[in-house]
Amino acid sequence: LYVDTALNPDEAVSQSVPVYYFNYLESRFEVLPIAEWADVGEGPKRVVQPEYNQAGDEVWFSVWNTMEDTSAIVVVDDETRELKHVIKD
């Protein structure tokens, strides 16, 4: 279960995504540093909208920034939870 927390005032929280395991929802999760992986420089870097690709093996995250700053889409492997690709605007 991927959870975006884009409106959290703590940048460390709004710029990352916790991943919960269905069998361990209360005790086990992993935090993915999505905004860090995006490497877009300055700005609020709000991580939003985790979406699966059509094959269901990747999760795509939007990293929203201001109009003056760079934004990105971060692609993560669903099985390994490792960074696969970054698409910058």
PDB file of N, CA and C in Angstrom:
ATOM      1  N   LEU A   1       0.851  -1.167   0.000  1.00  0.00           N
ATOM      2  CA  LEU A   1       0.000   0.000   0.000  1.00  0.00           C
ATOM      3  C   LEU A   1       0.900   1.234   0.000  1.00  0.00           C
ATOM      4  N   TYR A   2       0.852   2.020  -1.068  1.00  0.00           N
ATOM      5  CA  TYR A   2       1.628   3.253  -1.185  1.00  0.00           C
ATOM      6  C   TYR A   2       0.763   4.416  -0.706  1.00  0.00           C
ATOM      7  N   VAL A   3       1.325   5.285   0.141  1.00  0.00           N
ATOM      8  CA  VAL A   3       0.551   6.385   0.715  1.00  0.00           C
ATOM      9  C   VAL A   3       1.267   7.703   0.438  1.00  0.00           C
ATOM     10  N   ASP A   4       0.587   8.629  -0.257  1.00  0.00           N
ATOM     11  CA  ASP A   4       1.188   9.952  -0.415  1.00  0.00           C
ATOM     12  C   ASP A   4       0.736  10.843   0.742  1.00  0.00           C
ATOM     13  N   THR A   5       1.622  11.717   1.161  1.00  0.00           N
ATOM     14  CA  THR A   5       1.344  12.626   2.279  1.00  0.00           C
ATOM     15  C   THR A   5       1.748  14.044   1.879  1.00  0.00           C
ATOM     16  N   ALA A   6       1.345  14.441   0.693  1.00  0.00           N
ATOM     17  CA  ALA A   6       1.792  15.696   0.082  1.00  0.00           C
ATOM     18  C   ALA A   6       1.452  16.944   0.883  1.00  0.00           C
ATOM     19  N   LEU A   7       0.411  16.916   1.684  1.00  0.00           N
ATOM     20  CA  LEU A   7       0.013  18.113   2.432  1.00  0.00           C
ATOM     21  C   LEU A   7       0.615  18.188   3.829  1.00  0.00           C
ATOM     22  N   ASN A   8       1.417  17.219   4.202  1.00  0.00           N
ATOM     23  CA  ASN A   8       2.063  17.260   5.507  1.00  0.00           C
ATOM     24  C   ASN A   8       3.054  18.428   5.538  1.00  0.00           C
ATOM     25  N   PRO A   9       3.049  19.263   6.583  1.00  0.00           N
ATOM     26  CA  PRO A   9       3.952  20.415   6.632  1.00  0.00           C
ATOM     27  C   PRO A   9       5.427  20.039   6.809  1.00  0.00           C
ATOM     28  N   ASP A  10       5.708  18.830   7.228  1.00  0.00           N
ATOM     29  CA  ASP A  10       7.088  18.365   7.394  1.00  0.00           C
ATOM     30  C   ASP A  10       7.618  17.906   6.033  1.00  0.00           C
ATOM     31  N   GLU A  11       8.639  18.598   5.511  1.00  0.00           N
ATOM     32  CA  GLU A  11       9.167  18.265   4.185  1.00  0.00           C
ATOM     33  C   GLU A  11       9.659  16.825   4.083  1.00  0.00           C
ATOM     34  N   ALA A  12      10.247  16.304   5.134  1.00  0.00           N
ATOM     35  CA  ALA A  12      10.729  14.922   5.099  1.00  0.00           C
ATOM     36  C   ALA A  12       9.585  13.949   4.853  1.00  0.00           C
ATOM     37  N   VAL A  13       8.401  14.306   5.327  1.00  0.00           N
ATOM     38  CA  VAL A  13       7.224  13.451   5.155  1.00  0.00           C
ATOM     39  C   VAL A  13       6.574  13.695   3.796  1.00  0.00           C
ATOM     40  N   SER A  14       6.392  14.960   3.420  1.00  0.00           N
ATOM     41  CA  SER A  14       5.696  15.268   2.160  1.00  0.00           C
ATOM     42  C   SER A  14       6.513  14.906   0.930  1.00  0.00           C
ATOM     43  N   GLN A  15       7.820  14.709   1.098  1.00  0.00           N
ATOM     44  CA  GLN A  15       8.688  14.398  -0.035  1.00  0.00           C
ATOM     45  C   GLN A  15       9.050  12.919  -0.121  1.00  0.00           C
ATOM     46  N   SER A  16       8.425  12.114   0.697  1.00  0.00           N
ATOM     47  CA  SER A  16       8.681  10.671   0.672  1.00  0.00           C
ATOM     48  C   SER A  16       7.348   9.928   0.694  1.00  0.00           C
ATOM     49  N   VAL A  17       7.424   8.614   0.513  1.00  0.00           N
ATOM     50  CA  VAL A  17       6.210   7.795   0.474  1.00  0.00           C
ATOM     51  C   VAL A  17       6.423   6.550   1.328  1.00  0.00           C
ATOM     52  N   PRO A  18       5.586   6.348   2.350  1.00  0.00           N
ATOM     53  CA  PRO A  18       5.662   5.078   3.078  1.00  0.00           C
ATOM     54  C   PRO A  18       4.959   3.978   2.281  1.00  0.00           C
ATOM     55  N   VAL A  19       5.546   2.797   2.322  1.00  0.00           N
ATOM     56  CA  VAL A  19       4.960   1.624   1.664  1.00  0.00           C
ATOM     57  C   VAL A  19       4.657   0.620   2.767  1.00  0.00           C
ATOM     58  N   TYR A  20       3.377   0.304   2.937  1.00  0.00           N
ATOM     59  CA  TYR A  20       2.946  -0.643   3.961  1.00  0.00           C
ATOM     60  C   TYR A  20       2.716  -2.007   3.337  1.00  0.00           C
ATOM     61  N   TYR A  21       3.039  -3.037   4.074  1.00  0.00           N
ATOM     62  CA  TYR A  21       2.821  -4.411   3.631  1.00  0.00           C
ATOM     63  C   TYR A  21       1.483  -4.876   4.197  1.00  0.00           C
ATOM     64  N   PHE A  22       0.606  -5.382   3.350  1.00  0.00           N
ATOM     65  CA  PHE A  22      -0.756  -5.730   3.761  1.00  0.00           C
ATOM     66  C   PHE A  22      -0.813  -6.645   4.976  1.00  0.00           C
ATOM     67  N   ASN A  23       0.094  -7.576   5.091  1.00  0.00           N
ATOM     68  CA  ASN A  23       0.068  -8.514   6.220  1.00  0.00           C
ATOM     69  C   ASN A  23       0.623  -7.914   7.506  1.00  0.00           C
ATOM     70  N   TYR A  24       1.236  -6.720   7.413  1.00  0.00           N
ATOM     71  CA  TYR A  24       1.869  -6.101   8.581  1.00  0.00           C
ATOM     72  C   TYR A  24       1.540  -4.610   8.649  1.00  0.00           C
ATOM     73  N   LEU A  25       0.298  -4.227   8.408  1.00  0.00           N
ATOM     74  CA  LEU A  25      -0.055  -2.812   8.301  1.00  0.00           C
ATOM     75  C   LEU A  25       0.332  -1.983   9.521  1.00  0.00           C
ATOM     76  N   GLU A  26       0.274  -2.544  10.696  1.00  0.00           N
ATOM     77  CA  GLU A  26       0.552  -1.765  11.902  1.00  0.00           C
ATOM     78  C   GLU A  26       2.020  -1.741  12.293  1.00  0.00           C
ATOM     79  N   SER A  27       2.821  -2.658  11.779  1.00  0.00           N
ATOM     80  CA  SER A  27       4.176  -2.750  12.299  1.00  0.00           C
ATOM     81  C   SER A  27       5.282  -2.679  11.255  1.00  0.00           C
ATOM     82  N   ARG A  28       4.971  -2.860   9.987  1.00  0.00           N
ATOM     83  CA  ARG A  28       6.057  -2.958   9.017  1.00  0.00           C
ATOM     84  C   ARG A  28       5.789  -2.054   7.812  1.00  0.00           C
ATOM     85  N   PHE A  29       6.732  -1.157   7.557  1.00  0.00           N
ATOM     86  CA  PHE A  29       6.644  -0.314   6.370  1.00  0.00           C
ATOM     87  C   PHE A  29       8.049   0.127   5.968  1.00  0.00           C
ATOM     88  N   GLU A  30       8.140   0.609   4.752  1.00  0.00           N
ATOM     89  CA  GLU A  30       9.396   1.090   4.187  1.00  0.00           C
ATOM     90  C   GLU A  30       9.133   2.497   3.662  1.00  0.00           C
ATOM     91  N   VAL A  31      10.089   3.408   3.792  1.00  0.00           N
ATOM     92  CA  VAL A  31       9.919   4.773   3.297  1.00  0.00           C
ATOM     93  C   VAL A  31      10.780   4.956   2.048  1.00  0.00           C
ATOM     94  N   LEU A  32      10.139   5.377   0.953  1.00  0.00           N
ATOM     95  CA  LEU A  32      10.849   5.621  -0.299  1.00  0.00           C
ATOM     96  C   LEU A  32      11.118   7.118  -0.445  1.00  0.00           C
ATOM     97  N   PRO A  33      12.378   7.520  -0.663  1.00  0.00           N
ATOM     98  CA  PRO A  33      12.728   8.945  -0.780  1.00  0.00           C
ATOM     99  C   PRO A  33      12.467   9.475  -2.198  1.00  0.00           C
ATOM    100  N   ILE A  34      11.219   9.550  -2.581  1.00  0.00           N
ATOM    101  CA  ILE A  34      10.839   9.866  -3.961  1.00  0.00           C
ATOM    102  C   ILE A  34      11.401  11.213  -4.421  1.00  0.00           C
ATOM    103  N   ALA A  35      11.232  12.274  -3.644  1.00  0.00           N
ATOM    104  CA  ALA A  35      11.728  13.597  -4.055  1.00  0.00           C
ATOM    105  C   ALA A  35      13.249  13.601  -4.172  1.00  0.00           C
ATOM    106  N   GLU A  36      13.923  12.902  -3.289  1.00  0.00           N
ATOM    107  CA  GLU A  36      15.385  12.791  -3.370  1.00  0.00           C
ATOM    108  C   GLU A  36      15.785  12.094  -4.669  1.00  0.00           C
ATOM    109  N   TRP A  37      15.097  11.013  -5.003  1.00  0.00           N
ATOM    110  CA  TRP A  37      15.380  10.301  -6.249  1.00  0.00           C
ATOM    111  C   TRP A  37      15.109  11.179  -7.461  1.00  0.00           C
ATOM    112  N   ALA A  38      14.096  12.054  -7.380  1.00  0.00           N
ATOM    113  CA  ALA A  38      13.747  12.922  -8.511  1.00  0.00           C
ATOM    114  C   ALA A  38      14.864  13.917  -8.818  1.00  0.00           C
ATOM    115  N   ASP A  39      15.592  14.342  -7.796  1.00  0.00           N
ATOM    116  CA  ASP A  39      16.727  15.252  -7.955  1.00  0.00           C
ATOM    117  C   ASP A  39      16.342  16.483  -8.788  1.00  0.00           C
ATOM    118  N   VAL A  40      15.291  17.179  -8.354  1.00  0.00           N
ATOM    119  CA  VAL A  40      14.789  18.330  -9.107  1.00  0.00           C
ATOM    120  C   VAL A  40      15.236  19.677  -8.544  1.00  0.00           C
ATOM    121  N   GLY A  41      16.065  19.680  -7.523  1.00  0.00           N
ATOM    122  CA  GLY A  41      16.563  20.941  -6.980  1.00  0.00           C
ATOM    123  C   GLY A  41      15.605  21.562  -5.981  1.00  0.00           C
ATOM    124  N   GLU A  42      15.516  22.894  -6.020  1.00  0.00           N
ATOM    125  CA  GLU A  42      14.714  23.652  -5.056  1.00  0.00           C
ATOM    126  C   GLU A  42      13.218  23.468  -5.274  1.00  0.00           C
ATOM    127  N   GLY A  43      12.446  23.902  -4.265  1.00  0.00           N
ATOM    128  CA  GLY A  43      10.992  23.887  -4.355  1.00  0.00           C
ATOM    129  C   GLY A  43      10.369  22.963  -3.333  1.00  0.00           C
ATOM    130  N   PRO A  44       9.043  22.974  -3.238  1.00  0.00           N
ATOM    131  CA  PRO A  44       8.345  22.163  -2.235  1.00  0.00           C
ATOM    132  C   PRO A  44       8.385  20.661  -2.509  1.00  0.00           C
ATOM    133  N   LYS A  45       8.506  20.248  -3.756  1.00  0.00           N
ATOM    134  CA  LYS A  45       8.643  18.829  -4.148  1.00  0.00           C
ATOM    135  C   LYS A  45       7.591  17.932  -3.491  1.00  0.00           C
ATOM    136  N   ARG A  46       6.333  18.227  -3.722  1.00  0.00           N
ATOM    137  CA  ARG A  46       5.229  17.429  -3.170  1.00  0.00           C
ATOM    138  C   ARG A  46       5.068  16.141  -3.967  1.00  0.00           C
ATOM    139  N   VAL A  47       5.121  15.019  -3.294  1.00  0.00           N
ATOM    140  CA  VAL A  47       4.981  13.712  -3.948  1.00  0.00           C
ATOM    141  C   VAL A  47       3.515  13.296  -3.887  1.00  0.00           C
ATOM    142  N   VAL A  48       2.919  13.070  -5.061  1.00  0.00           N
ATOM    143  CA  VAL A  48       1.486  12.780  -5.133  1.00  0.00           C
ATOM    144  C   VAL A  48       1.180  11.660  -6.121  1.00  0.00           C
ATOM    145  N   GLN A  49      -0.020  11.134  -6.014  1.00  0.00           N
ATOM    146  CA  GLN A  49      -0.660  10.247  -6.977  1.00  0.00           C
ATOM    147  C   GLN A  49       0.139   9.010  -7.377  1.00  0.00           C
ATOM    148  N   PRO A  50       0.400   8.097  -6.455  1.00  0.00           N
ATOM    149  CA  PRO A  50       1.018   6.846  -6.899  1.00  0.00           C
ATOM    150  C   PRO A  50       0.049   6.099  -7.817  1.00  0.00           C
ATOM    151  N   GLU A  51       0.530   5.726  -8.993  1.00  0.00           N
ATOM    152  CA  GLU A  51      -0.302   5.016  -9.963  1.00  0.00           C
ATOM    153  C   GLU A  51       0.499   3.874 -10.572  1.00  0.00           C
ATOM    154  N   TYR A  52      -0.167   2.736 -10.759  1.00  0.00           N
ATOM    155  CA  TYR A  52       0.476   1.606 -11.430  1.00  0.00           C
ATOM    156  C   TYR A  52       0.462   1.805 -12.938  1.00  0.00           C
ATOM    157  N   ASN A  53       1.497   1.269 -13.603  1.00  0.00           N
ATOM    158  CA  ASN A  53       1.477   1.247 -15.059  1.00  0.00           C
ATOM    159  C   ASN A  53       0.522   0.143 -15.516  1.00  0.00           C
ATOM    160  N   GLN A  54       0.299   0.034 -16.816  1.00  0.00           N
ATOM    161  CA  GLN A  54      -0.673  -0.927 -17.337  1.00  0.00           C
ATOM    162  C   GLN A  54      -0.292  -2.371 -16.999  1.00  0.00           C
ATOM    163  N   ALA A  55       0.998  -2.680 -17.000  1.00  0.00           N
ATOM    164  CA  ALA A  55       1.455  -4.041 -16.698  1.00  0.00           C
ATOM    165  C   ALA A  55       1.357  -4.369 -15.211  1.00  0.00           C
ATOM    166  N   GLY A  56       1.275  -3.351 -14.358  1.00  0.00           N
ATOM    167  CA  GLY A  56       1.161  -3.571 -12.922  1.00  0.00           C
ATOM    168  C   GLY A  56       2.468  -3.872 -12.227  1.00  0.00           C
ATOM    169  N   ASP A  57       3.596  -3.619 -12.898  1.00  0.00           N
ATOM    170  CA  ASP A  57       4.890  -3.922 -12.287  1.00  0.00           C
ATOM    171  C   ASP A  57       5.686  -2.674 -11.898  1.00  0.00           C
ATOM    172  N   GLU A  58       5.154  -1.494 -12.211  1.00  0.00           N
ATOM    173  CA  GLU A  58       5.796  -0.238 -11.844  1.00  0.00           C
ATOM    174  C   GLU A  58       4.772   0.677 -11.173  1.00  0.00           C
ATOM    175  N   VAL A  59       5.276   1.518 -10.264  1.00  0.00           N
ATOM    176  CA  VAL A  59       4.444   2.552  -9.654  1.00  0.00           C
ATOM    177  C   VAL A  59       5.059   3.893 -10.038  1.00  0.00           C
ATOM    178  N   TRP A  60       4.222   4.789 -10.548  1.00  0.00           N
ATOM    179  CA  TRP A  60       4.664   6.101 -11.000  1.00  0.00           C
ATOM    180  C   TRP A  60       4.190   7.155 -10.001  1.00  0.00           C
ATOM    181  N   PHE A  61       5.105   8.038  -9.595  1.00  0.00           N
ATOM    182  CA  PHE A  61       4.801   9.114  -8.652  1.00  0.00           C
ATOM    183  C   PHE A  61       5.063  10.460  -9.317  1.00  0.00           C
ATOM    184  N   SER A  62       4.163  11.402  -9.134  1.00  0.00           N
ATOM    185  CA  SER A  62       4.383  12.768  -9.596  1.00  0.00           C
ATOM    186  C   SER A  62       5.056  13.550  -8.478  1.00  0.00           C
ATOM    187  N   VAL A  63       6.095  14.296  -8.828  1.00  0.00           N
ATOM    188  CA  VAL A  63       6.753  15.199  -7.887  1.00  0.00           C
ATOM    189  C   VAL A  63       6.417  16.609  -8.363  1.00  0.00           C
ATOM    190  N   TRP A  64       5.465  17.242  -7.672  1.00  0.00           N
ATOM    191  CA  TRP A  64       4.984  18.565  -8.065  1.00  0.00           C
ATOM    192  C   TRP A  64       5.840  19.646  -7.428  1.00  0.00           C
ATOM    193  N   ASN A  65       6.141  20.639  -8.219  1.00  0.00           N
ATOM    194  CA  ASN A  65       6.906  21.784  -7.771  1.00  0.00           C
ATOM    195  C   ASN A  65       6.203  23.049  -8.249  1.00  0.00           C
ATOM    196  N   THR A  66       6.764  24.208  -7.952  1.00  0.00           N
ATOM    197  CA  THR A  66       6.196  25.450  -8.458  1.00  0.00           C
ATOM    198  C   THR A  66       6.454  25.556  -9.959  1.00  0.00           C
ATOM    199  N   MET A  67       5.780  26.491 -10.615  1.00  0.00           N
ATOM    200  CA  MET A  67       5.969  26.664 -12.061  1.00  0.00           C
ATOM    201  C   MET A  67       7.402  27.051 -12.405  1.00  0.00           C
ATOM    202  N   GLU A  68       8.088  27.724 -11.485  1.00  0.00           N
ATOM    203  CA  GLU A  68       9.460  28.164 -11.728  1.00  0.00           C
ATOM    204  C   GLU A  68      10.479  27.054 -11.498  1.00  0.00           C
ATOM    205  N   ASP A  69      10.084  25.999 -10.815  1.00  0.00           N
ATOM    206  CA  ASP A  69      11.004  24.913 -10.471  1.00  0.00           C
ATOM    207  C   ASP A  69      10.693  23.663 -11.293  1.00  0.00           C
ATOM    208  N   THR A  70      11.642  22.757 -11.331  1.00  0.00           N
ATOM    209  CA  THR A  70      11.496  21.516 -12.090  1.00  0.00           C
ATOM    210  C   THR A  70      10.602  20.530 -11.353  1.00  0.00           C
ATOM    211  N   SER A  71       9.732  19.871 -12.084  1.00  0.00           N
ATOM    212  CA  SER A  71       8.902  18.785 -11.556  1.00  0.00           C
ATOM    213  C   SER A  71       9.339  17.488 -12.231  1.00  0.00           C
ATOM    214  N   ALA A  72       8.798  16.357 -11.779  1.00  0.00           N
ATOM    215  CA  ALA A  72       9.231  15.080 -12.349  1.00  0.00           C
ATOM    216  C   ALA A  72       8.200  13.989 -12.112  1.00  0.00           C
ATOM    217  N   ILE A  73       8.381  12.912 -12.839  1.00  0.00           N
ATOM    218  CA  ILE A  73       7.680  11.655 -12.581  1.00  0.00           C
ATOM    219  C   ILE A  73       8.752  10.642 -12.216  1.00  0.00           C
ATOM    220  N   VAL A  74       8.558   9.957 -11.111  1.00  0.00           N
ATOM    221  CA  VAL A  74       9.517   8.964 -10.633  1.00  0.00           C
ATOM    222  C   VAL A  74       8.893   7.582 -10.791  1.00  0.00           C
ATOM    223  N   VAL A  75       9.621   6.690 -11.458  1.00  0.00           N
ATOM    224  CA  VAL A  75       9.139   5.339 -11.727  1.00  0.00           C
ATOM    225  C   VAL A  75       9.871   4.367 -10.802  1.00  0.00           C
ATOM    226  N   VAL A  76       9.086   3.579 -10.048  1.00  0.00           N
ATOM    227  CA  VAL A  76       9.634   2.648  -9.064  1.00  0.00           C
ATOM    228  C   VAL A  76       9.193   1.229  -9.418  1.00  0.00           C
ATOM    229  N   ASP A  77      10.109   0.279  -9.297  1.00  0.00           N
ATOM    230  CA  ASP A  77       9.775  -1.133  -9.495  1.00  0.00           C
ATOM    231  C   ASP A  77       8.912  -1.593  -8.320  1.00  0.00           C
ATOM    232  N   ASP A  78       7.728  -2.115  -8.597  1.00  0.00           N
ATOM    233  CA  ASP A  78       6.803  -2.490  -7.524  1.00  0.00           C
ATOM    234  C   ASP A  78       7.322  -3.649  -6.686  1.00  0.00           C
ATOM    235  N   GLU A  79       8.027  -4.578  -7.289  1.00  0.00           N
ATOM    236  CA  GLU A  79       8.502  -5.748  -6.542  1.00  0.00           C
ATOM    237  C   GLU A  79       9.704  -5.419  -5.662  1.00  0.00           C
ATOM    238  N   THR A  80      10.699  -4.718  -6.215  1.00  0.00           N
ATOM    239  CA  THR A  80      11.929  -4.434  -5.466  1.00  0.00           C
ATOM    240  C   THR A  80      11.884  -3.095  -4.740  1.00  0.00           C
ATOM    241  N   ARG A  81      10.953  -2.225  -5.139  1.00  0.00           N
ATOM    242  CA  ARG A  81      10.817  -0.865  -4.616  1.00  0.00           C
ATOM    243  C   ARG A  81      12.078  -0.039  -4.852  1.00  0.00           C
ATOM    244  N   GLU A  82      12.745  -0.312  -5.961  1.00  0.00           N
ATOM    245  CA  GLU A  82      13.937   0.432  -6.354  1.00  0.00           C
ATOM    246  C   GLU A  82      13.596   1.399  -7.479  1.00  0.00           C
ATOM    247  N   LEU A  83      14.352   2.487  -7.545  1.00  0.00           N
ATOM    248  CA  LEU A  83      14.176   3.478  -8.594  1.00  0.00           C
ATOM    249  C   LEU A  83      14.490   2.863  -9.952  1.00  0.00           C
ATOM    250  N   LYS A  84      13.584   3.084 -10.919  1.00  0.00           N
ATOM    251  CA  LYS A  84      13.814   2.610 -12.281  1.00  0.00           C
ATOM    252  C   LYS A  84      14.137   3.757 -13.229  1.00  0.00           C
ATOM    253  N   HIS A  85      13.424   4.894 -13.066  1.00  0.00           N
ATOM    254  CA  HIS A  85      13.608   5.981 -14.030  1.00  0.00           C
ATOM    255  C   HIS A  85      13.015   7.277 -13.472  1.00  0.00           C
ATOM    256  N   VAL A  86      13.580   8.400 -13.920  1.00  0.00           N
ATOM    257  CA  VAL A  86      13.040   9.719 -13.581  1.00  0.00           C
ATOM    258  C   VAL A  86      12.798  10.478 -14.882  1.00  0.00           C
ATOM    259  N   ILE A  87      11.593  11.018 -15.021  1.00  0.00           N
ATOM    260  CA  ILE A  87      11.228  11.826 -16.185  1.00  0.00           C
ATOM    261  C   ILE A  87      11.021  13.252 -15.679  1.00  0.00           C
ATOM    262  N   LYS A  88      11.882  14.177 -16.116  1.00  0.00           N
ATOM    263  CA  LYS A  88      11.783  15.572 -15.660  1.00  0.00           C
ATOM    264  C   LYS A  88      11.100  16.423 -16.714  1.00  0.00           C
ATOM    265  N   ASP A  89      10.433  17.507 -16.247  1.00  0.00           N
ATOM    266  CA  ASP A  89       9.781  18.394 -17.219  1.00  0.00           C
ATOM    267  C   ASP A  89      10.744  19.388 -17.802  1.00  0.00           C
TER     268      ASP A  89
END
